[in-house]
Protein backbone atom coordinates (compact mmCIF):
# COMPACT_ATOMS: atom_id res chain seq x y z
CA MET A 1 12.09 28.92 -9.98
CA TRP A 2 12.06 32.34 -11.91
CA ARG A 3 8.17 31.84 -12.22
CA LEU A 4 8.00 32.82 -8.54
CA LEU A 5 8.90 36.42 -9.64
CA LEU A 6 6.07 36.82 -11.89
CA PRO A 7 3.64 39.56 -10.97
CA GLY A 8 0.53 38.73 -8.92
CA LEU A 9 1.82 35.67 -6.98
CA GLY A 10 2.42 37.75 -3.77
CA PHE A 11 5.96 36.24 -3.23
CA LYS A 12 8.32 38.99 -4.35
CA ARG A 13 7.31 41.56 -1.68
CA TYR A 14 7.56 39.14 1.25
CA MET A 15 10.79 37.88 -0.18
CA ALA A 16 12.10 41.51 -0.24
CA VAL A 17 11.03 41.98 3.34
CA VAL A 18 12.76 38.82 4.40
CA ALA A 19 16.09 39.91 2.56
CA LEU A 20 15.89 43.48 3.96
CA GLY A 21 15.46 41.94 7.34
CA PHE A 22 18.48 39.85 7.14
CA VAL A 23 20.46 42.83 5.69
CA ALA A 24 19.53 44.79 8.88
CA VAL A 25 20.18 41.88 11.09
CA GLY A 26 23.55 41.52 9.59
CA ALA A 27 24.43 45.33 9.72
CA ALA A 28 23.35 45.16 13.36
CA LEU A 29 25.53 42.31 14.37
CA ALA A 30 28.44 44.06 12.89
CA ARG A 31 27.90 47.24 15.20
CA LEU A 32 27.24 45.12 18.34
CA TRP A 33 30.91 45.02 19.24
CA SER A 34 31.15 48.76 19.26
CA THR A 35 32.12 50.32 22.49
CA ASP A 36 30.27 53.47 21.86
CA PRO A 37 26.94 53.36 23.68
CA LEU A 38 25.07 55.48 21.09
CA SER A 39 26.38 53.11 18.43
CA LEU A 40 25.39 50.18 20.51
CA THR A 41 21.85 51.41 20.96
CA VAL A 42 21.23 52.01 17.27
CA ALA A 43 22.78 48.48 16.59
CA VAL A 44 20.16 46.90 19.02
CA ALA A 45 17.27 48.89 17.46
CA ILE A 46 18.46 47.85 13.95
CA LEU A 47 18.78 44.17 15.16
CA VAL A 48 15.05 44.25 16.42
CA LEU A 49 13.84 45.86 13.32
CA GLY A 50 15.60 43.32 11.20
CA MET A 51 14.15 40.39 13.25
CA GLY A 52 10.75 42.01 12.92
CA LEU A 53 11.01 42.27 9.06
CA VAL A 54 12.17 38.70 8.88
CA ALA A 55 9.03 37.57 11.03
CA LEU A 56 6.77 39.84 8.94
CA GLY A 57 8.29 38.43 5.54
CA THR A 58 8.03 34.75 6.93
CA TRP A 59 4.38 35.45 8.09
CA GLY A 60 3.31 36.81 4.55
CA LEU A 61 4.94 33.99 2.75
CA TRP A 62 3.31 31.46 4.91
CA HIS A 63 -0.24 32.93 4.24
CA THR A 64 0.56 33.32 0.41
CA ILE A 65 1.38 29.85 0.24
CA THR A 66 -1.52 28.59 2.34
CA ASP A 67 -3.94 30.83 0.16
CA LEU A 68 -2.70 29.41 -2.99
CA LEU A 69 -2.95 25.70 -1.75
CA GLY A 70 -6.25 26.24 -0.17
CA SER A 71 -4.96 24.70 3.13
CA ASP A 72 -2.61 25.36 6.09
CA ARG A 73 -1.45 21.73 6.32
CA TRP A 74 0.97 21.95 3.58
CA THR A 75 3.95 21.93 5.97
CA GLY A 76 2.92 18.75 7.63
CA PHE A 77 2.08 17.35 4.20
CA LEU A 78 5.63 18.00 2.87
CA TYR A 79 7.16 16.64 6.09
CA SER A 80 5.05 13.51 6.05
CA ARG A 81 5.68 12.97 2.28
CA ARG A 82 9.54 13.31 2.81
CA GLN A 83 9.74 10.92 5.82
CA LEU A 84 7.33 8.45 3.96
CA ALA A 85 9.65 8.34 1.02
CA ARG A 86 12.35 7.29 3.32
CA GLY A 87 10.39 4.31 4.76
CA PRO A 88 11.08 0.58 4.43
CA LYS A 89 10.61 -0.99 1.13
CA VAL A 90 7.54 -3.27 1.08
CA VAL A 91 6.34 -5.54 -1.60
CA ALA A 92 2.90 -6.94 -1.16
CA LEU A 93 1.27 -9.67 -3.44
CA GLY A 94 -2.16 -10.77 -3.92
CA GLY A 95 -5.51 -9.48 -5.25
CA GLY A 96 -9.14 -9.30 -4.33
CA THR A 97 -10.42 -7.32 -1.22
CA GLY A 98 -7.28 -8.66 1.10
CA LEU A 99 -4.36 -6.82 -0.63
CA PRO A 100 -6.16 -3.17 -0.55
CA VAL A 101 -6.18 -3.83 3.22
CA VAL A 102 -2.52 -4.28 3.53
CA LEU A 103 -1.66 -1.20 1.24
CA ARG A 104 -4.17 1.09 2.99
CA GLY A 105 -2.42 0.44 6.27
CA LEU A 106 1.08 0.48 5.21
CA LYS A 107 0.90 3.65 3.29
CA GLN A 108 0.52 5.58 6.61
CA TYR A 109 4.09 4.52 7.47
CA THR A 110 5.96 4.37 3.97
CA SER A 111 5.53 5.24 0.35
CA ASN A 112 7.89 2.56 -0.72
CA LEU A 113 5.08 0.25 -1.48
CA THR A 114 4.77 -1.94 -4.64
CA ALA A 115 1.55 -3.97 -5.01
CA VAL A 116 1.92 -6.99 -7.37
CA VAL A 117 -1.63 -7.83 -8.30
CA THR A 118 -3.02 -11.11 -9.98
CA VAL A 119 -4.57 -10.73 -13.31
CA ALA A 120 -6.52 -13.96 -13.72
CA ASP A 121 -9.86 -12.47 -12.76
CA ASP A 122 -12.59 -13.72 -15.28
CA GLY A 123 -15.82 -12.58 -13.38
CA GLY A 124 -17.85 -9.59 -13.27
CA SER A 125 -17.06 -6.25 -14.67
CA SER A 126 -13.31 -7.26 -15.04
CA GLY A 127 -14.30 -10.50 -16.91
CA ARG A 128 -16.54 -8.52 -19.22
CA LEU A 129 -13.93 -6.10 -20.09
CA ARG A 130 -11.33 -8.66 -20.49
CA GLY A 131 -13.56 -10.44 -22.94
CA ASP A 132 -14.94 -7.54 -24.83
CA LEU A 133 -11.60 -5.37 -25.12
CA GLY A 134 -8.92 -8.06 -24.65
CA ILE A 135 -7.33 -5.99 -21.70
CA LEU A 136 -5.96 -7.23 -18.63
CA PRO A 137 -8.64 -7.55 -15.75
CA PRO A 138 -8.66 -4.11 -14.08
CA GLY A 139 -10.71 -4.80 -10.92
CA ASP A 140 -8.26 -5.81 -8.60
CA ILE A 141 -5.76 -3.21 -9.79
CA ARG A 142 -8.30 -0.61 -9.43
CA ASN A 143 -8.93 -1.50 -5.93
CA CYS A 144 -5.23 -1.42 -5.07
CA MET A 145 -4.80 2.22 -6.59
CA VAL A 146 -7.69 3.47 -4.65
CA ALA A 147 -6.23 1.92 -1.46
CA LEU A 148 -2.90 3.95 -2.03
CA ALA A 149 -4.51 6.87 -3.26
CA ASP A 150 -3.61 10.24 -1.30
CA THR A 151 -6.51 12.12 -2.70
CA GLU A 152 -9.99 13.67 -2.08
CA PRO A 153 -12.63 11.15 -0.93
CA LEU A 154 -14.71 12.27 -3.89
CA MET A 155 -12.18 10.83 -6.27
CA GLU A 156 -12.24 7.55 -4.63
CA GLU A 157 -15.98 7.41 -4.49
CA LEU A 158 -16.03 8.25 -8.35
CA PHE A 159 -13.45 5.44 -9.18
CA GLN A 160 -15.43 2.85 -6.97
CA HIS A 161 -18.80 3.90 -8.36
CA ARG A 162 -20.70 0.89 -9.84
CA PHE A 163 -23.46 1.54 -12.45
CA GLU A 164 -26.65 -0.20 -11.57
CA THR A 165 -28.76 0.26 -14.80
CA GLY A 166 -28.45 0.37 -18.43
CA GLU A 167 -25.67 -1.28 -20.79
CA LEU A 168 -23.07 -0.25 -18.17
CA LYS A 169 -24.79 -2.14 -15.17
CA GLY A 170 -22.30 -3.86 -12.96
CA HIS A 171 -19.40 -1.96 -14.46
CA SER A 172 -17.36 0.43 -12.16
CA PHE A 173 -16.08 3.84 -13.42
CA GLY A 174 -12.61 3.02 -12.25
CA ASN A 175 -12.57 -0.19 -14.61
CA LEU A 176 -13.85 1.76 -17.48
CA PHE A 177 -11.42 4.69 -16.76
CA LEU A 178 -8.54 2.10 -16.91
CA ALA A 179 -9.84 0.57 -20.14
CA ALA A 180 -10.05 4.08 -21.66
CA MET A 181 -6.60 5.04 -20.44
CA GLU A 182 -5.04 1.78 -21.97
CA ARG A 183 -6.56 2.83 -25.38
CA THR A 184 -5.21 6.47 -24.95
CA ALA A 185 -1.72 5.51 -23.34
CA GLY A 186 -1.10 2.73 -25.81
CA ASP A 187 -0.40 0.08 -23.19
CA PHE A 188 -1.62 -1.11 -19.77
CA VAL A 189 1.51 -0.20 -17.81
CA THR A 190 1.61 3.44 -19.05
CA ALA A 191 -2.14 3.66 -18.27
CA LEU A 192 -1.45 2.42 -14.75
CA ARG A 193 1.38 5.18 -14.33
CA GLU A 194 -0.92 8.03 -15.52
CA SER A 195 -3.93 6.75 -13.62
CA SER A 196 -1.77 6.70 -10.52
CA ARG A 197 -0.83 10.23 -11.21
CA VAL A 198 -4.54 11.22 -11.32
CA LEU A 199 -5.11 9.48 -7.74
CA ALA A 200 -1.92 10.71 -6.33
CA VAL A 201 -1.06 7.17 -5.57
CA ARG A 202 1.71 6.35 -2.71
CA GLY A 203 3.62 3.49 -4.23
CA THR A 204 3.37 1.68 -7.42
CA VAL A 205 0.81 -0.86 -8.52
CA LEU A 206 1.86 -3.44 -11.03
CA PRO A 207 0.23 -6.52 -12.73
CA ALA A 208 1.89 -9.85 -11.89
CA THR A 209 2.11 -10.35 -15.58
CA LEU A 210 0.90 -8.70 -18.92
CA ASP A 211 0.09 -12.22 -20.43
CA ARG A 212 -3.67 -13.09 -20.65
CA VAL A 213 -3.72 -15.96 -18.23
CA THR A 214 -6.23 -18.53 -17.13
CA LEU A 215 -6.20 -20.50 -13.94
CA TRP A 216 -7.07 -24.28 -13.65
CA ALA A 217 -7.38 -26.43 -10.55
CA ASP A 218 -7.30 -30.10 -10.12
CA LEU A 219 -9.76 -31.46 -7.43
CA VAL A 220 -9.35 -34.29 -4.98
CA THR A 221 -12.25 -35.82 -6.94
CA GLY A 222 -9.91 -36.01 -9.99
CA GLU A 223 -12.08 -33.29 -11.76
CA ARG A 224 -10.26 -30.23 -13.56
CA ILE A 225 -12.09 -27.04 -13.39
CA PHE A 226 -11.12 -23.72 -15.20
CA GLY A 227 -11.38 -19.98 -14.44
CA GLU A 228 -10.90 -18.02 -11.31
CA SER A 229 -14.57 -17.51 -10.69
CA ASN A 230 -15.39 -21.30 -10.93
CA ILE A 231 -12.20 -22.11 -8.72
CA GLY A 232 -13.52 -19.62 -5.97
CA ASN A 233 -16.76 -21.81 -5.87
CA SER A 234 -14.88 -25.20 -5.92
CA PRO A 235 -17.32 -28.15 -5.41
CA ALA A 236 -14.55 -30.21 -3.68
CA ARG A 237 -11.11 -29.57 -1.95
CA ILE A 238 -8.47 -28.31 -4.31
CA GLU A 239 -5.46 -30.54 -4.93
CA ARG A 240 -3.33 -28.52 -7.33
CA LEU A 241 -3.61 -25.17 -9.09
CA GLY A 242 -2.21 -24.13 -12.41
CA MET A 243 -1.99 -21.58 -15.05
CA ASP A 244 -2.29 -21.41 -18.67
CA PRO A 245 0.22 -20.37 -20.18
CA ASP A 246 2.62 -21.84 -17.52
CA ASP A 247 5.55 -19.43 -18.58
CA ALA A 248 3.93 -16.17 -18.21
CA THR A 249 6.44 -13.30 -18.06
CA PRO A 250 6.40 -10.95 -15.26
CA LEU A 251 7.15 -7.14 -15.31
CA ALA A 252 10.68 -6.61 -14.68
CA GLU A 253 9.86 -3.74 -12.20
CA ALA A 254 7.93 -6.45 -10.17
CA VAL A 255 11.02 -8.82 -9.94
CA GLU A 256 13.41 -5.88 -9.18
CA ALA A 257 11.23 -4.62 -6.40
CA ILE A 258 10.94 -8.08 -4.75
CA MET A 259 14.75 -8.40 -4.80
CA ASP A 260 15.32 -4.90 -3.44
CA ALA A 261 12.57 -5.08 -0.66
CA ASP A 262 12.96 -4.97 3.09
CA MET A 263 9.69 -7.07 3.43
CA VAL A 264 7.56 -9.12 1.16
CA VAL A 265 4.06 -9.91 2.31
CA LEU A 266 1.72 -12.46 0.88
CA GLY A 267 -1.95 -12.14 1.58
CA PRO A 268 -4.36 -11.70 3.21
CA GLY A 269 -6.74 -12.93 0.52
CA SER A 270 -8.18 -15.96 -1.28
CA LEU A 271 -5.57 -18.60 -1.24
CA TYR A 272 -6.10 -20.19 -4.56
CA THR A 273 -7.45 -16.99 -6.54
CA SER A 274 -5.44 -14.30 -5.04
CA VAL A 275 -2.21 -15.36 -3.52
CA ILE A 276 -0.97 -18.52 -5.30
CA PRO A 277 -1.80 -17.15 -8.80
CA ASN A 278 1.04 -14.68 -8.38
CA LEU A 279 3.43 -17.50 -7.39
CA LEU A 280 2.58 -19.38 -10.60
CA VAL A 281 4.61 -16.74 -12.39
CA GLN A 282 7.80 -18.45 -12.09
CA PRO A 283 10.40 -15.51 -12.01
CA ILE A 284 8.22 -13.95 -9.28
CA GLN A 285 8.25 -17.06 -7.16
CA GLU A 286 12.06 -17.33 -7.63
CA ALA A 287 12.54 -13.78 -6.71
CA ILE A 288 10.58 -14.25 -3.37
CA ARG A 289 12.66 -17.38 -2.69
CA ASN A 290 15.89 -15.58 -3.20
CA THR A 291 15.27 -12.05 -1.76
CA ALA A 292 16.87 -10.99 1.50
CA ALA A 293 13.69 -9.53 2.64
CA VAL A 294 11.59 -10.66 5.55
CA ARG A 295 8.81 -12.83 3.96
CA VAL A 296 5.57 -12.90 5.72
CA TYR A 297 2.32 -14.81 4.90
CA VAL A 298 -0.76 -13.18 6.44
CA ALA A 299 -3.42 -15.82 7.12
CA ASN A 300 -6.96 -14.82 6.32
CA VAL A 301 -9.07 -14.46 9.32
CA MET A 302 -11.96 -16.67 8.17
CA THR A 303 -12.09 -19.65 5.81
CA GLN A 304 -13.67 -19.10 2.40
CA PRO A 305 -16.58 -21.76 1.61
CA GLY A 306 -15.83 -23.67 -1.40
CA GLU A 307 -12.14 -22.70 -1.56
CA THR A 308 -10.58 -23.19 1.86
CA SER A 309 -13.49 -24.87 3.76
CA HIS A 310 -12.11 -26.08 7.28
CA TYR A 311 -8.68 -25.06 6.64
CA THR A 312 -6.34 -24.15 9.46
CA VAL A 313 -3.28 -22.06 9.13
CA HIS A 314 -1.24 -25.23 8.84
CA ASP A 315 -3.64 -26.34 5.84
CA HIS A 316 -2.85 -22.85 4.25
CA LEU A 317 0.96 -23.31 4.53
CA GLN A 318 0.65 -26.86 3.26
CA ALA A 319 -1.17 -25.65 0.20
CA LEU A 320 1.58 -23.12 -0.41
CA GLU A 321 4.28 -25.88 0.09
CA ARG A 322 2.40 -28.27 -2.43
CA GLN A 323 2.45 -25.48 -5.11
CA VAL A 324 5.85 -24.06 -4.71
CA GLY A 325 7.73 -26.14 -2.27
CA ARG A 326 9.29 -25.22 1.17
CA GLY A 327 11.33 -22.17 1.86
CA LEU A 328 9.24 -19.46 0.41
CA VAL A 329 8.00 -17.72 3.54
CA ASP A 330 9.83 -17.04 6.93
CA MET A 331 6.76 -16.57 9.25
CA VAL A 332 2.99 -16.45 9.25
CA LEU A 333 1.00 -13.80 10.91
CA VAL A 334 -2.24 -14.94 12.35
CA ASN A 335 -5.23 -13.24 14.19
CA ASN A 336 -5.77 -14.41 17.73
CA GLN A 337 -8.62 -11.80 18.64
CA ARG A 338 -11.82 -13.43 19.66
CA VAL A 339 -14.85 -12.67 17.36
CA ALA A 340 -18.12 -11.53 18.96
CA GLY A 341 -20.60 -14.38 19.13
CA ASP A 342 -23.36 -12.93 17.13
CA VAL A 343 -21.17 -11.75 14.35
CA LEU A 344 -19.33 -15.19 14.28
CA ASP A 345 -22.79 -17.04 14.24
CA ARG A 346 -23.60 -15.17 11.12
CA TYR A 347 -20.63 -16.38 9.39
CA LEU A 348 -20.76 -19.99 10.57
CA LYS A 349 -24.21 -20.25 9.06
CA GLU A 350 -22.52 -19.33 5.70
CA GLY A 351 -20.05 -22.08 6.21
CA ALA A 352 -17.02 -19.87 7.12
CA GLU A 353 -14.89 -20.66 10.19
CA PRO A 354 -12.00 -18.80 12.05
CA VAL A 355 -8.62 -19.58 10.94
CA THR A 356 -6.63 -20.83 13.73
CA ALA A 357 -2.96 -21.63 14.50
CA ALA A 358 -3.89 -23.86 17.68
CA ASP A 359 -1.54 -21.73 19.72
CA LEU A 360 1.52 -23.05 17.96
CA ARG A 361 4.87 -21.29 17.96
CA THR A 362 6.12 -22.74 14.67
CA ILE A 363 4.47 -24.82 11.85
CA ASP A 364 7.02 -26.97 9.81
CA GLY A 365 9.92 -24.59 10.88
CA ILE A 366 7.77 -21.41 9.99
CA LEU A 367 7.61 -18.97 12.92
CA VAL A 368 3.99 -18.11 13.99
CA VAL A 369 3.21 -14.59 15.14
CA ALA A 370 -0.25 -14.35 16.77
CA LEU A 371 -1.70 -10.72 17.36
CA PRO A 372 -5.06 -9.22 17.73
CA LEU A 373 -5.75 -7.88 14.04
CA LEU A 374 -9.59 -7.39 13.71
CA ALA A 375 -11.37 -4.41 12.70
CA ALA A 376 -14.17 -3.18 15.19
CA ASP A 377 -17.19 -3.36 12.78
CA SER A 378 -19.82 -5.73 12.01
CA LEU A 379 -17.66 -7.75 9.50
CA ILE A 380 -14.91 -10.16 10.25
CA ARG A 381 -11.74 -8.76 8.71
CA HIS A 382 -8.35 -7.18 9.36
CA ASP A 383 -7.96 -3.70 10.46
CA PRO A 384 -5.62 -2.01 8.10
CA ASP A 385 -3.69 -0.10 10.81
CA LYS A 386 -3.35 -3.06 13.11
CA LEU A 387 -2.05 -5.23 10.31
CA ALA A 388 0.39 -2.55 9.21
CA ARG A 389 1.76 -2.06 12.74
CA ALA A 390 2.11 -5.79 13.18
CA LEU A 391 4.04 -6.18 9.88
CA LEU A 392 6.34 -3.28 10.84
CA ARG A 393 7.07 -4.80 14.32
CA ILE A 394 8.06 -7.84 12.48
CA LEU A 395 10.50 -5.89 10.18
CA PHE A 396 12.00 -4.21 13.25
CA GLN A 397 12.57 -7.45 14.99
CA HIS A 398 13.68 -9.80 12.25
CA ARG A 399 15.40 -7.31 9.87
CA PRO A 400 16.58 -4.41 11.78
CA GLN A 401 19.45 -3.59 9.17
CA TRP A 402 16.66 -2.00 6.98
CA SER A 403 17.60 1.12 8.57
CA GLU A 404 21.32 0.94 8.52
CA GLY A 405 22.55 4.38 7.49
CA ARG A 406 18.96 5.68 7.96
CA THR A 407 18.88 5.82 11.80
CA TRP A 408 16.47 8.94 11.77
CA ASP A 409 14.08 7.19 9.44
CA GLY A 410 13.86 4.26 12.04
CA LEU A 411 13.24 6.64 14.86
CA TRP A 412 10.70 8.48 13.02
CA LEU A 413 8.92 5.36 12.16
CA GLU A 414 9.16 4.04 15.66
CA ALA A 415 7.64 7.28 16.82
CA ARG A 416 4.70 6.96 14.49
CA LEU A 417 4.02 3.40 15.54
CA ARG A 418 3.98 4.63 19.33
CA GLU A 419 1.64 7.45 18.40
CA LYS A 420 -0.70 5.05 16.74
CA ARG A 421 -0.74 2.92 19.86
CA GLY A 422 -1.47 6.19 21.80
CA GLU A 423 1.96 6.08 23.50
CA ALA A 424 2.94 9.31 22.41
């Protein structure tokens, strides 16, 4: 704090004016009880002068801080950060392009976010770096960090920039940055922490395991295929998914976050290559099974050709049950918003279909929550804010005790939800 008194900052003069104003106000209040008219007049004059000095000093401090930070939104920023830090604790598991959608929406309401990301990717830039440098595939982790970033758009564009020519063709700058950071920091977890600081990430991004794992899948044809990229283009229906090694060790922070969470979210994302791989890490699966949090599976909006062709919501839940047994999720969140015909036709030609719940209230004892969740653009995908609001409504309804002792936090979050809906 003593550095605020160094010359040139412009704090001292205004702090002195404020202090002098309070001294004048105090002296005036002490004389207000006098019965002498002259003394009373002097006291009022000193009171007005003191209040003017306080106002002048406060105005000067405001503009000094604004000039230093280059923005006049710093008070709103500080208030928002303080409230976000007191929001519900949410752990989201997945990978690919689905998990960042959840994170991008929820970061507007809470900074107590933990993303647990699959590390089985073996294709594209991530696969090349994994093979060349022996590091964990950074692609899905990078996407989650960018989704949680509270930084300038240019930094986000930089991390997502993908080289199109030369020896770096196909690599994204963010992947290369994480690879270099691991070499500099000495380990991948430290590299993530330092990179998160660069991006001003709201929350924590963790790999499901630090072990180098490979996915395999048994098909209904009896064939076994290896590698996430091959499973994503499966030639036949997948019967069972596995991971080598089958005893991968999770990060302790991931398990602790799940056990301490108010809500655990699985998906959206590729069922067999983004969601289930996290559950194959046994301690993570057991933590989800034993946590007191509300456990929600977010169903995909559309099926994925080659991986979940013709799957309904029931099929998705049955696949989870075949892998990990019953009792892992409490409810499933499903989109019930209709898709425009021309957009839907384009997806149908590619072999994708809407994932439906057939207007069911429950599936095998699991509550079905159907809400409009689509983004208003040319792609059929979840809207981050609609999805976040739906998840938080579920939290309020099914675990109201999350805000016990934090009544003000709950009221603030409710106000934010109403504001987003245009009710305030």
